[in-house]
């Protein structure tokens, strides 16, 4: 499921980039150069601009929702290591030898806490 959402996010990101490149605030844009000019003449320039704006908002919202969904799915397996840095930190922590605290011999007197100077 996680992999499917990532692939869907990539597809939505690609489509969002295409829609953003197709529009131009001053008219024209890539849409008139790659054959969408006929669609603009057929539907009217105002309708094409509205459609591109709605598609931009839709893809942007879909991308946000998908990113939140992948975050929520990833929360379930907190013990899984997701990055090489986390893995190395866990290996370093587990490989570090644990040293026992040093205790003075049984017959010696304890050291004073604040020696006088």
PDB file of N, CA and C in Angstrom:
ATOM      1  N   UNK A   1       0.820  -1.190   0.000  1.00  0.00           N
ATOM      2  CA  UNK A   1       0.000   0.000   0.000  1.00  0.00           C
ATOM      3  C   UNK A   1       0.868   1.260   0.000  1.00  0.00           C
ATOM      4  N   UNK A   2       1.936   1.219   0.798  1.00  0.00           N
ATOM      5  CA  UNK A   2       2.835   2.368   0.882  1.00  0.00           C
ATOM      6  C   UNK A   2       3.481   2.643  -0.474  1.00  0.00           C
ATOM      7  N   UNK A   3       3.930   1.575  -1.143  1.00  0.00           N
ATOM      8  CA  UNK A   3       4.562   1.727  -2.457  1.00  0.00           C
ATOM      9  C   UNK A   3       3.567   2.260  -3.478  1.00  0.00           C
ATOM     10  N   UNK A   4       2.335   1.795  -3.417  1.00  0.00           N
ATOM     11  CA  UNK A   4       1.302   2.282  -4.333  1.00  0.00           C
ATOM     12  C   UNK A   4       1.076   3.778  -4.145  1.00  0.00           C
ATOM     13  N   UNK A   5       1.032   4.235  -2.899  1.00  0.00           N
ATOM     14  CA  UNK A   5       0.834   5.658  -2.642  1.00  0.00           C
ATOM     15  C   UNK A   5       2.016   6.493  -3.137  1.00  0.00           C
ATOM     16  N   UNK A   6       3.217   5.964  -3.007  1.00  0.00           N
ATOM     17  CA  UNK A   6       4.396   6.687  -3.494  1.00  0.00           C
ATOM     18  C   UNK A   6       4.345   6.815  -5.019  1.00  0.00           C
ATOM     19  N   UNK A   7       3.959   5.733  -5.701  1.00  0.00           N
ATOM     20  CA  UNK A   7       3.852   5.780  -7.164  1.00  0.00           C
ATOM     21  C   UNK A   7       2.755   6.753  -7.571  1.00  0.00           C
ATOM     22  N   UNK A   8       1.652   6.749  -6.860  1.00  0.00           N
ATOM     23  CA  UNK A   8       0.558   7.681  -7.146  1.00  0.00           C
ATOM     24  C   UNK A   8       1.006   9.125  -6.913  1.00  0.00           C
ATOM     25  N   UNK A   9       1.801   9.356  -5.876  1.00  0.00           N
ATOM     26  CA  UNK A   9       2.328  10.703  -5.626  1.00  0.00           C
ATOM     27  C   UNK A   9       3.229  11.166  -6.767  1.00  0.00           C
ATOM     28  N   UNK A  10       4.055  10.270  -7.268  1.00  0.00           N
ATOM     29  CA  UNK A  10       4.922  10.631  -8.391  1.00  0.00           C
ATOM     30  C   UNK A  10       4.107  10.980  -9.633  1.00  0.00           C
ATOM     31  N   UNK A  11       3.060  10.214  -9.888  1.00  0.00           N
ATOM     32  CA  UNK A  11       2.202  10.484 -11.040  1.00  0.00           C
ATOM     33  C   UNK A  11       1.493  11.827 -10.888  1.00  0.00           C
ATOM     34  N   UNK A  12       0.952  12.099  -9.712  1.00  0.00           N
ATOM     35  CA  UNK A  12       0.266  13.374  -9.472  1.00  0.00           C
ATOM     36  C   UNK A  12       1.250  14.538  -9.576  1.00  0.00           C
ATOM     37  N   UNK A  13       2.468  14.358  -9.090  1.00  0.00           N
ATOM     38  CA  UNK A  13       3.481  15.417  -9.178  1.00  0.00           C
ATOM     39  C   UNK A  13       3.823  15.723 -10.629  1.00  0.00           C
ATOM     40  N   UNK A  14       3.960  14.676 -11.419  1.00  0.00           N
ATOM     41  CA  UNK A  14       4.261  14.862 -12.837  1.00  0.00           C
ATOM     42  C   UNK A  14       3.117  15.589 -13.542  1.00  0.00           C
ATOM     43  N   UNK A  15       1.880  15.180 -13.273  1.00  0.00           N
ATOM     44  CA  UNK A  15       0.727  15.833 -13.897  1.00  0.00           C
ATOM     45  C   UNK A  15       0.592  17.278 -13.432  1.00  0.00           C
ATOM     46  N   UNK A  16       0.882  17.528 -12.163  1.00  0.00           N
ATOM     47  CA  UNK A  16       0.836  18.902 -11.652  1.00  0.00           C
ATOM     48  C   UNK A  16       1.858  19.779 -12.369  1.00  0.00           C
ATOM     49  N   UNK A  17       3.050  19.247 -12.571  1.00  0.00           N
ATOM     50  CA  UNK A  17       4.077  20.017 -13.290  1.00  0.00           C
ATOM     51  C   UNK A  17       3.635  20.314 -14.716  1.00  0.00           C
ATOM     52  N   UNK A  18       3.036  19.342 -15.384  1.00  0.00           N
ATOM     53  CA  UNK A  18       2.563  19.575 -16.748  1.00  0.00           C
ATOM     54  C   UNK A  18       1.462  20.630 -16.801  1.00  0.00           C
ATOM     55  N   UNK A  19       0.540  20.580 -15.858  1.00  0.00           N
ATOM     56  CA  UNK A  19      -0.554  21.548 -15.848  1.00  0.00           C
ATOM     57  C   UNK A  19      -0.030  22.944 -15.555  1.00  0.00           C
ATOM     58  N   UNK A  20       0.917  23.048 -14.637  1.00  0.00           N
ATOM     59  CA  UNK A  20       1.479  24.366 -14.320  1.00  0.00           C
ATOM     60  C   UNK A  20       2.251  24.921 -15.513  1.00  0.00           C
ATOM     61  N   UNK A  21       2.987  24.065 -16.210  1.00  0.00           N
ATOM     62  CA  UNK A  21       3.713  24.535 -17.390  1.00  0.00           C
ATOM     63  C   UNK A  21       2.771  24.901 -18.531  1.00  0.00           C
ATOM     64  N   UNK A  22       1.614  24.291 -18.591  1.00  0.00           N
ATOM     65  CA  UNK A  22       0.686  24.548 -19.683  1.00  0.00           C
ATOM     66  C   UNK A  22       0.008  25.904 -19.556  1.00  0.00           C
ATOM     67  N   UNK A  23      -0.037  26.471 -18.366  1.00  0.00           N
ATOM     68  CA  UNK A  23      -0.715  27.755 -18.220  1.00  0.00           C
ATOM     69  C   UNK A  23       0.275  28.899 -18.166  1.00  0.00           C
ATOM     70  N   UNK A  24      -0.197  30.040 -18.578  1.00  0.00           N
ATOM     71  CA  UNK A  24       0.595  31.251 -18.572  1.00  0.00           C
ATOM     72  C   UNK A  24      -0.324  32.379 -18.122  1.00  0.00           C
ATOM     73  N   UNK A  25       0.071  33.186 -17.161  1.00  0.00           N
ATOM     74  CA  UNK A  25      -0.833  34.223 -16.669  1.00  0.00           C
ATOM     75  C   UNK A  25      -1.191  35.265 -17.726  1.00  0.00           C
ATOM     76  N   UNK A  26      -0.379  35.406 -18.768  1.00  0.00           N
ATOM     77  CA  UNK A  26      -0.648  36.405 -19.804  1.00  0.00           C
ATOM     78  C   UNK A  26      -1.261  35.786 -21.057  1.00  0.00           C
ATOM     79  N   UNK A  27      -1.639  34.515 -20.977  1.00  0.00           N
ATOM     80  CA  UNK A  27      -2.217  33.852 -22.150  1.00  0.00           C
ATOM     81  C   UNK A  27      -1.140  33.136 -22.940  1.00  0.00           C
ATOM     82  N   UNK A  28      -1.515  32.200 -23.731  1.00  0.00           N
ATOM     83  CA  UNK A  28      -0.547  31.457 -24.519  1.00  0.00           C
ATOM     84  C   UNK A  28      -0.030  30.283 -23.739  1.00  0.00           C
ATOM     85  N   UNK A  29       1.230  30.330 -23.363  1.00  0.00           N
ATOM     86  CA  UNK A  29       1.839  29.233 -22.616  1.00  0.00           C
ATOM     87  C   UNK A  29       2.132  28.057 -23.522  1.00  0.00           C
ATOM     88  N   UNK A  30       2.476  26.961 -22.936  1.00  0.00           N
ATOM     89  CA  UNK A  30       2.806  25.765 -23.702  1.00  0.00           C
ATOM     90  C   UNK A  30       1.561  25.181 -24.350  1.00  0.00           C
ATOM     91  N   UNK A  31       0.397  25.436 -23.760  1.00  0.00           N
ATOM     92  CA  UNK A  31      -0.823  24.830 -24.281  1.00  0.00           C
ATOM     93  C   UNK A  31      -1.091  25.237 -25.720  1.00  0.00           C
ATOM     94  N   UNK A  32      -0.727  26.436 -26.101  1.00  0.00           N
ATOM     95  CA  UNK A  32      -0.975  26.863 -27.473  1.00  0.00           C
ATOM     96  C   UNK A  32       0.081  26.332 -28.433  1.00  0.00           C
ATOM     97  N   UNK A  33       1.228  25.904 -27.923  1.00  0.00           N
ATOM     98  CA  UNK A  33       2.298  25.431 -28.788  1.00  0.00           C
ATOM     99  C   UNK A  33       2.225  23.942 -29.072  1.00  0.00           C
ATOM    100  N   UNK A  34       1.613  23.164 -28.191  1.00  0.00           N
ATOM    101  CA  UNK A  34       1.603  21.720 -28.349  1.00  0.00           C
ATOM    102  C   UNK A  34       0.234  21.159 -28.677  1.00  0.00           C
ATOM    103  N   UNK A  35      -0.534  21.850 -29.440  1.00  0.00           N
ATOM    104  CA  UNK A  35      -1.782  21.283 -29.913  1.00  0.00           C
ATOM    105  C   UNK A  35      -2.985  21.581 -29.057  1.00  0.00           C
ATOM    106  N   UNK A  36      -2.812  22.168 -27.902  1.00  0.00           N
ATOM    107  CA  UNK A  36      -3.975  22.498 -27.089  1.00  0.00           C
ATOM    108  C   UNK A  36      -4.586  23.809 -27.541  1.00  0.00           C
ATOM    109  N   UNK A  37      -3.935  24.473 -28.488  1.00  0.00           N
ATOM    110  CA  UNK A  37      -4.506  25.701 -29.024  1.00  0.00           C
ATOM    111  C   UNK A  37      -5.835  25.434 -29.707  1.00  0.00           C
ATOM    112  N   UNK A  38      -5.964  24.278 -30.348  1.00  0.00           N
ATOM    113  CA  UNK A  38      -7.238  23.902 -30.949  1.00  0.00           C
ATOM    114  C   UNK A  38      -8.307  23.717 -29.900  1.00  0.00           C
ATOM    115  N   UNK A  39      -7.948  23.134 -28.782  1.00  0.00           N
ATOM    116  CA  UNK A  39      -8.896  22.959 -27.686  1.00  0.00           C
ATOM    117  C   UNK A  39      -9.265  24.305 -27.086  1.00  0.00           C
ATOM    118  N   UNK A  40      -8.300  25.218 -27.047  1.00  0.00           N
ATOM    119  CA  UNK A  40      -8.588  26.546 -26.522  1.00  0.00           C
ATOM    120  C   UNK A  40      -9.562  27.277 -27.436  1.00  0.00           C
ATOM    121  N   UNK A  41      -9.407  27.116 -28.752  1.00  0.00           N
ATOM    122  CA  UNK A  41     -10.330  27.749 -29.679  1.00  0.00           C
ATOM    123  C   UNK A  41     -11.702  27.089 -29.616  1.00  0.00           C
ATOM    124  N   UNK A  42     -11.723  25.797 -29.408  1.00  0.00           N
ATOM    125  CA  UNK A  42     -12.975  25.069 -29.345  1.00  0.00           C
ATOM    126  C   UNK A  42     -13.748  25.412 -28.065  1.00  0.00           C
ATOM    127  N   UNK A  43     -13.061  25.396 -26.945  1.00  0.00           N
ATOM    128  CA  UNK A  43     -13.713  25.641 -25.662  1.00  0.00           C
ATOM    129  C   UNK A  43     -13.744  27.116 -25.291  1.00  0.00           C
ATOM    130  N   UNK A  44     -12.895  27.893 -25.885  1.00  0.00           N
ATOM    131  CA  UNK A  44     -12.766  29.292 -25.501  1.00  0.00           C
ATOM    132  C   UNK A  44     -11.616  29.445 -24.534  1.00  0.00           C
ATOM    133  N   UNK A  45     -10.921  30.567 -24.620  1.00  0.00           N
ATOM    134  CA  UNK A  45      -9.731  30.784 -23.807  1.00  0.00           C
ATOM    135  C   UNK A  45     -10.092  30.838 -22.323  1.00  0.00           C
ATOM    136  N   UNK A  46     -11.185  31.453 -21.981  1.00  0.00           N
ATOM    137  CA  UNK A  46     -11.584  31.577 -20.578  1.00  0.00           C
ATOM    138  C   UNK A  46     -11.853  30.208 -19.969  1.00  0.00           C
ATOM    139  N   UNK A  47     -12.534  29.345 -20.695  1.00  0.00           N
ATOM    140  CA  UNK A  47     -12.838  28.015 -20.168  1.00  0.00           C
ATOM    141  C   UNK A  47     -11.573  27.178 -20.002  1.00  0.00           C
ATOM    142  N   UNK A  48     -10.639  27.283 -20.930  1.00  0.00           N
ATOM    143  CA  UNK A  48      -9.391  26.528 -20.816  1.00  0.00           C
ATOM    144  C   UNK A  48      -8.606  26.989 -19.602  1.00  0.00           C
ATOM    145  N   UNK A  49      -8.549  28.296 -19.373  1.00  0.00           N
ATOM    146  CA  UNK A  49      -7.860  28.824 -18.199  1.00  0.00           C
ATOM    147  C   UNK A  49      -8.503  28.353 -16.913  1.00  0.00           C
ATOM    148  N   UNK A  50      -9.828  28.320 -16.889  1.00  0.00           N
ATOM    149  CA  UNK A  50     -10.535  27.838 -15.696  1.00  0.00           C
ATOM    150  C   UNK A  50     -10.249  26.355 -15.467  1.00  0.00           C
ATOM    151  N   UNK A  51     -10.244  25.576 -16.537  1.00  0.00           N
ATOM    152  CA  UNK A  51      -9.972  24.147 -16.413  1.00  0.00           C
ATOM    153  C   UNK A  51      -8.559  23.903 -15.889  1.00  0.00           C
ATOM    154  N   UNK A  52      -7.581  24.642 -16.434  1.00  0.00           N
ATOM    155  CA  UNK A  52      -6.201  24.468 -15.970  1.00  0.00           C
ATOM    156  C   UNK A  52      -6.049  24.891 -14.516  1.00  0.00           C
ATOM    157  N   UNK A  53      -6.755  25.936 -14.114  1.00  0.00           N
ATOM    158  CA  UNK A  53      -6.675  26.376 -12.727  1.00  0.00           C
ATOM    159  C   UNK A  53      -7.295  25.342 -11.793  1.00  0.00           C
ATOM    160  N   UNK A  54      -8.432  24.779 -12.191  1.00  0.00           N
ATOM    161  CA  UNK A  54      -9.070  23.758 -11.367  1.00  0.00           C
ATOM    162  C   UNK A  54      -8.217  22.497 -11.285  1.00  0.00           C
ATOM    163  N   UNK A  55      -7.595  22.132 -12.398  1.00  0.00           N
ATOM    164  CA  UNK A  55      -6.698  20.968 -12.387  1.00  0.00           C
ATOM    165  C   UNK A  55      -5.495  21.213 -11.482  1.00  0.00           C
ATOM    166  N   UNK A  56      -4.958  22.433 -11.512  1.00  0.00           N
ATOM    167  CA  UNK A  56      -3.808  22.769 -10.656  1.00  0.00           C
ATOM    168  C   UNK A  56      -4.184  22.626  -9.187  1.00  0.00           C
ATOM    169  N   UNK A  57      -5.317  23.195  -8.802  1.00  0.00           N
ATOM    170  CA  UNK A  57      -5.761  23.093  -7.410  1.00  0.00           C
ATOM    171  C   UNK A  57      -6.045  21.648  -7.032  1.00  0.00           C
ATOM    172  N   UNK A  58      -6.676  20.910  -7.922  1.00  0.00           N
ATOM    173  CA  UNK A  58      -7.003  19.511  -7.639  1.00  0.00           C
ATOM    174  C   UNK A  58      -5.763  18.660  -7.433  1.00  0.00           C
ATOM    175  N   UNK A  59      -4.778  18.819  -8.330  1.00  0.00           N
ATOM    176  CA  UNK A  59      -3.547  18.035  -8.200  1.00  0.00           C
ATOM    177  C   UNK A  59      -2.755  18.446  -6.969  1.00  0.00           C
ATOM    178  N   UNK A  60      -2.754  19.742  -6.640  1.00  0.00           N
ATOM    179  CA  UNK A  60      -2.029  20.200  -5.448  1.00  0.00           C
ATOM    180  C   UNK A  60      -2.664  19.630  -4.178  1.00  0.00           C
ATOM    181  N   UNK A  61      -3.983  19.655  -4.116  1.00  0.00           N
ATOM    182  CA  UNK A  61      -4.672  19.104  -2.941  1.00  0.00           C
ATOM    183  C   UNK A  61      -4.465  17.597  -2.863  1.00  0.00           C
ATOM    184  N   UNK A  62      -4.524  16.918  -4.019  1.00  0.00           N
ATOM    185  CA  UNK A  62      -4.307  15.469  -4.039  1.00  0.00           C
ATOM    186  C   UNK A  62      -2.898  15.125  -3.567  1.00  0.00           C
ATOM    187  N   UNK A  63      -1.921  15.926  -3.958  1.00  0.00           N
ATOM    188  CA  UNK A  63      -0.543  15.674  -3.539  1.00  0.00           C
ATOM    189  C   UNK A  63      -0.395  15.844  -2.027  1.00  0.00           C
ATOM    190  N   UNK A  64      -1.055  16.847  -1.462  1.00  0.00           N
ATOM    191  CA  UNK A  64      -0.989  17.041  -0.007  1.00  0.00           C
ATOM    192  C   UNK A  64      -1.663  15.890   0.739  1.00  0.00           C
ATOM    193  N   UNK A  65      -2.814  15.470   0.251  1.00  0.00           N
ATOM    194  CA  UNK A  65      -3.535  14.378   0.904  1.00  0.00           C
ATOM    195  C   UNK A  65      -2.728  13.080   0.819  1.00  0.00           C
ATOM    196  N   UNK A  66      -2.131  12.821  -0.340  1.00  0.00           N
ATOM    197  CA  UNK A  66      -1.324  11.606  -0.496  1.00  0.00           C
ATOM    198  C   UNK A  66      -0.086  11.636   0.399  1.00  0.00           C
ATOM    199  N   UNK A  67       0.531  12.809   0.537  1.00  0.00           N
ATOM    200  CA  UNK A  67       1.715  12.882   1.399  1.00  0.00           C
ATOM    201  C   UNK A  67       1.329  12.665   2.864  1.00  0.00           C
ATOM    202  N   UNK A  68       0.185  13.187   3.280  1.00  0.00           N
ATOM    203  CA  UNK A  68      -0.274  12.927   4.648  1.00  0.00           C
ATOM    204  C   UNK A  68      -0.624  11.452   4.839  1.00  0.00           C
ATOM    205  N   UNK A  69      -1.195  10.834   3.813  1.00  0.00           N
ATOM    206  CA  UNK A  69      -1.549   9.416   3.907  1.00  0.00           C
ATOM    207  C   UNK A  69      -0.298   8.546   4.031  1.00  0.00           C
ATOM    208  N   UNK A  70       0.746   8.863   3.272  1.00  0.00           N
ATOM    209  CA  UNK A  70       1.982   8.081   3.391  1.00  0.00           C
ATOM    210  C   UNK A  70       2.624   8.288   4.752  1.00  0.00           C
ATOM    211  N   UNK A  71       2.505   9.486   5.291  1.00  0.00           N
ATOM    212  CA  UNK A  71       3.049   9.734   6.627  1.00  0.00           C
ATOM    213  C   UNK A  71       2.294   8.912   7.672  1.00  0.00           C
ATOM    214  N   UNK A  72       0.983   8.867   7.557  1.00  0.00           N
ATOM    215  CA  UNK A  72       0.179   8.109   8.515  1.00  0.00           C
ATOM    216  C   UNK A  72       0.443   6.614   8.394  1.00  0.00           C
ATOM    217  N   UNK A  73       0.630   6.119   7.193  1.00  0.00           N
ATOM    218  CA  UNK A  73       0.934   4.696   7.017  1.00  0.00           C
ATOM    219  C   UNK A  73       2.320   4.365   7.549  1.00  0.00           C
ATOM    220  N   UNK A  74       3.244   5.289   7.428  1.00  0.00           N
ATOM    221  CA  UNK A  74       4.595   5.065   7.908  1.00  0.00           C
ATOM    222  C   UNK A  74       4.704   5.095   9.411  1.00  0.00           C
ATOM    223  N   UNK A  75       3.748   5.691  10.105  1.00  0.00           N
ATOM    224  CA  UNK A  75       3.781   5.782  11.555  1.00  0.00           C
ATOM    225  C   UNK A  75       3.582   4.423  12.219  1.00  0.00           C
ATOM    226  N   UNK A  76       2.914   3.494  11.529  1.00  0.00           N
ATOM    227  CA  UNK A  76       2.582   2.209  12.131  1.00  0.00           C
ATOM    228  C   UNK A  76       3.789   1.370  12.484  1.00  0.00           C
ATOM    229  N   UNK A  77       4.836   1.422  11.698  1.00  0.00           N
ATOM    230  CA  UNK A  77       6.020   0.599  11.951  1.00  0.00           C
ATOM    231  C   UNK A  77       7.153   1.490  12.437  1.00  0.00           C
ATOM    232  N   UNK A  78       7.098   1.867  13.697  1.00  0.00           N
ATOM    233  CA  UNK A  78       8.112   2.771  14.240  1.00  0.00           C
ATOM    234  C   UNK A  78       9.440   2.066  14.475  1.00  0.00           C
ATOM    235  N   UNK A  79       9.429   0.718  14.562  1.00  0.00           N
ATOM    236  CA  UNK A  79      10.673   0.005  14.793  1.00  0.00           C
ATOM    237  C   UNK A  79      11.450  -0.221  13.502  1.00  0.00           C
ATOM    238  N   UNK A  80      10.825   0.006  12.369  1.00  0.00           N
ATOM    239  CA  UNK A  80      11.511  -0.180  11.093  1.00  0.00           C
ATOM    240  C   UNK A  80      12.489   0.971  10.857  1.00  0.00           C
ATOM    241  N   UNK A  81      13.651   0.654  10.319  1.00  0.00           N
ATOM    242  CA  UNK A  81      14.662   1.659  10.024  1.00  0.00           C
ATOM    243  C   UNK A  81      14.434   2.135   8.598  1.00  0.00           C
ATOM    244  N   UNK A  82      14.310   3.459   8.424  1.00  0.00           N
ATOM    245  CA  UNK A  82      14.014   3.985   7.109  1.00  0.00           C
ATOM    246  C   UNK A  82      15.211   4.668   6.450  1.00  0.00           C
ATOM    247  N   UNK A  83      16.217   5.012   7.200  1.00  0.00           N
ATOM    248  CA  UNK A  83      17.351   5.676   6.582  1.00  0.00           C
ATOM    249  C   UNK A  83      18.644   4.998   7.025  1.00  0.00           C
ATOM    250  N   UNK A  84      19.660   5.181   6.229  1.00  0.00           N
ATOM    251  CA  UNK A  84      20.954   4.578   6.532  1.00  0.00           C
ATOM    252  C   UNK A  84      21.540   5.205   7.792  1.00  0.00           C
ATOM    253  N   UNK A  85      21.220   6.477   8.049  1.00  0.00           N
ATOM    254  CA  UNK A  85      21.734   7.131   9.256  1.00  0.00           C
ATOM    255  C   UNK A  85      21.125   6.526  10.509  1.00  0.00           C
ATOM    256  N   UNK A  86      19.817   6.247  10.469  1.00  0.00           N
ATOM    257  CA  UNK A  86      19.183   5.606  11.623  1.00  0.00           C
ATOM    258  C   UNK A  86      19.761   4.215  11.846  1.00  0.00           C
ATOM    259  N   UNK A  87      19.991   3.503  10.769  1.00  0.00           N
ATOM    260  CA  UNK A  87      20.531   2.145  10.886  1.00  0.00           C
ATOM    261  C   UNK A  87      21.929   2.172  11.496  1.00  0.00           C
ATOM    262  N   UNK A  88      22.765   3.096  11.052  1.00  0.00           N
ATOM    263  CA  UNK A  88      24.124   3.185  11.608  1.00  0.00           C
ATOM    264  C   UNK A  88      24.101   3.605  13.066  1.00  0.00           C
ATOM    265  N   UNK A  89      23.188   4.504  13.421  1.00  0.00           N
ATOM    266  CA  UNK A  89      23.094   4.930  14.818  1.00  0.00           C
ATOM    267  C   UNK A  89      22.672   3.765  15.705  1.00  0.00           C
ATOM    268  N   UNK A  90      21.738   2.951  15.233  1.00  0.00           N
ATOM    269  CA  UNK A  90      21.314   1.793  16.021  1.00  0.00           C
ATOM    270  C   UNK A  90      22.432   0.764  16.129  1.00  0.00           C
ATOM    271  N   UNK A  91      23.203   0.575  15.056  1.00  0.00           N
ATOM    272  CA  UNK A  91      24.326  -0.364  15.113  1.00  0.00           C
ATOM    273  C   UNK A  91      25.390   0.130  16.067  1.00  0.00           C
ATOM    274  N   UNK A  92      25.660   1.429  16.051  1.00  0.00           N
ATOM    275  CA  UNK A  92      26.668   1.992  16.948  1.00  0.00           C
ATOM    276  C   UNK A  92      26.227   1.860  18.394  1.00  0.00           C
ATOM    277  N   UNK A  93      24.964   2.121  18.650  1.00  0.00           N
ATOM    278  CA  UNK A  93      24.441   2.001  20.000  1.00  0.00           C
ATOM    279  C   UNK A  93      24.511   0.568  20.507  1.00  0.00           C
ATOM    280  N   UNK A  94      24.184  -0.386  19.638  1.00  0.00           N
ATOM    281  CA  UNK A  94      24.176  -1.781  20.077  1.00  0.00           C
ATOM    282  C   UNK A  94      25.586  -2.359  20.146  1.00  0.00           C
ATOM    283  N   UNK A  95      26.527  -1.818  19.362  1.00  0.00           N
ATOM    284  CA  UNK A  95      27.889  -2.353  19.352  1.00  0.00           C
ATOM    285  C   UNK A  95      28.770  -1.738  20.436  1.00  0.00           C
ATOM    286  N   UNK A  96      28.365  -0.615  21.003  1.00  0.00           N
ATOM    287  CA  UNK A  96      29.178   0.042  22.029  1.00  0.00           C
ATOM    288  C   UNK A  96      29.179  -0.818  23.296  1.00  0.00           C
ATOM    289  N   UNK A  97      30.376  -1.089  23.839  1.00  0.00           N
ATOM    290  CA  UNK A  97      30.435  -1.907  25.053  1.00  0.00           C
ATOM    291  C   UNK A  97      29.896  -1.125  26.255  1.00  0.00           C
ATOM    292  N   UNK A  98      29.189  -1.804  27.075  1.00  0.00           N
ATOM    293  CA  UNK A  98      28.645  -1.190  28.287  1.00  0.00           C
ATOM    294  C   UNK A  98      29.665  -1.366  29.402  1.00  0.00           C
ATOM    295  N   UNK A  99      30.101  -0.243  29.968  1.00  0.00           N
ATOM    296  CA  UNK A  99      31.097  -0.300  31.031  1.00  0.00           C
ATOM    297  C   UNK A  99      30.394  -0.200  32.375  1.00  0.00           C
ATOM    298  N   UNK A 100      30.809  -1.052  33.265  1.00  0.00           N
ATOM    299  CA  UNK A 100      30.250  -1.031  34.616  1.00  0.00           C
ATOM    300  C   UNK A 100      30.843   0.153  35.372  1.00  0.00           C
ATOM    301  N   UNK A 101      30.090   0.769  36.278  1.00  0.00           N
ATOM    302  CA  UNK A 101      30.636   1.885  37.043  1.00  0.00           C
ATOM    303  C   UNK A 101      31.789   1.407  37.944  1.00  0.00           C
ATOM    304  N   UNK A 102      32.784   2.260  38.062  1.00  0.00           N
ATOM    305  CA  UNK A 102      33.957   1.920  38.861  1.00  0.00           C
ATOM    306  C   UNK A 102      33.629   2.143  40.334  1.00  0.00           C
ATOM    307  N   UNK A 103      33.811   1.112  41.134  1.00  0.00           N
ATOM    308  CA  UNK A 103      33.562   1.232  42.573  1.00  0.00           C
ATOM    309  C   UNK A 103      34.893   1.105  43.308  1.00  0.00           C
ATOM    310  N   UNK A 104      35.057   1.886  44.365  1.00  0.00           N
ATOM    311  CA  UNK A 104      36.317   1.803  45.122  1.00  0.00           C
ATOM    312  C   UNK A 104      36.381   0.467  45.875  1.00  0.00           C
ATOM    313  N   UNK A 105      37.564   0.032  46.227  1.00  0.00           N
ATOM    314  CA  UNK A 105      37.697  -1.206  47.004  1.00  0.00           C
ATOM    315  C   UNK A 105      36.968  -1.085  48.334  1.00  0.00           C
ATOM    316  N   UNK A 106      36.615  -2.200  48.913  1.00  0.00           N
ATOM    317  CA  UNK A 106      35.793  -2.224  50.121  1.00  0.00           C
ATOM    318  C   UNK A 106      36.479  -1.592  51.341  1.00  0.00           C
ATOM    319  N   UNK A 107      37.790  -1.646  51.429  1.00  0.00           N
ATOM    320  CA  UNK A 107      38.467  -1.142  52.613  1.00  0.00           C
ATOM    321  C   UNK A 107      38.839   0.308  52.545  1.00  0.00           C
ATOM    322  N   UNK A 108      38.652   1.009  51.458  1.00  0.00           N
ATOM    323  CA  UNK A 108      39.110   2.396  51.344  1.00  0.00           C
ATOM    324  C   UNK A 108      38.012   3.354  51.772  1.00  0.00           C
ATOM    325  N   UNK A 109      38.448   4.553  52.209  1.00  0.00           N
ATOM    326  CA  UNK A 109      37.513   5.586  52.641  1.00  0.00           C
ATOM    327  C   UNK A 109      37.014   6.350  51.405  1.00  0.00           C
ATOM    328  N   UNK A 110      35.775   6.830  51.430  1.00  0.00           N
ATOM    329  CA  UNK A 110      35.261   7.590  50.275  1.00  0.00           C
ATOM    330  C   UNK A 110      35.969   8.927  50.151  1.00  0.00           C
ATOM    331  N   UNK A 111      36.094   9.403  48.939  1.00  0.00           N
ATOM    332  CA  UNK A 111      36.737  10.704  48.663  1.00  0.00           C
ATOM    333  C   UNK A 111      35.815  11.823  49.080  1.00  0.00           C
ATOM    334  N   UNK A 112      36.367  12.923  49.599  1.00  0.00           N
ATOM    335  CA  UNK A 112      35.524  14.052  49.988  1.00  0.00           C
ATOM    336  C   UNK A 112      34.846  14.681  48.758  1.00  0.00           C
ATOM    337  N   UNK A 113      33.634  15.173  48.968  1.00  0.00           N
ATOM    338  CA  UNK A 113      32.874  15.750  47.860  1.00  0.00           C
ATOM    339  C   UNK A 113      33.463  17.069  47.401  1.00  0.00           C
ATOM    340  N   UNK A 114      33.780  17.989  48.302  1.00  0.00           N
ATOM    341  CA  UNK A 114      34.349  19.283  47.956  1.00  0.00           C
ATOM    342  C   UNK A 114      35.657  19.463  48.726  1.00  0.00           C
ATOM    343  N   UNK A 115      36.780  19.146  48.112  1.00  0.00           N
ATOM    344  CA  UNK A 115      38.043  19.336  48.826  1.00  0.00           C
ATOM    345  C   UNK A 115      38.329  20.812  49.047  1.00  0.00           C
ATOM    346  N   UNK A 116      38.911  21.167  50.197  1.00  0.00           N
ATOM    347  CA  UNK A 116      39.255  22.562  50.506  1.00  0.00           C
ATOM    348  C   UNK A 116      40.492  22.958  49.719  1.00  0.00           C
ATOM    349  N   UNK A 117      40.476  24.184  49.268  1.00  0.00           N
ATOM    350  CA  UNK A 117      41.615  24.669  48.477  1.00  0.00           C
ATOM    351  C   UNK A 117      42.508  25.564  49.271  1.00  0.00           C
TER     352      UNK A 117
END
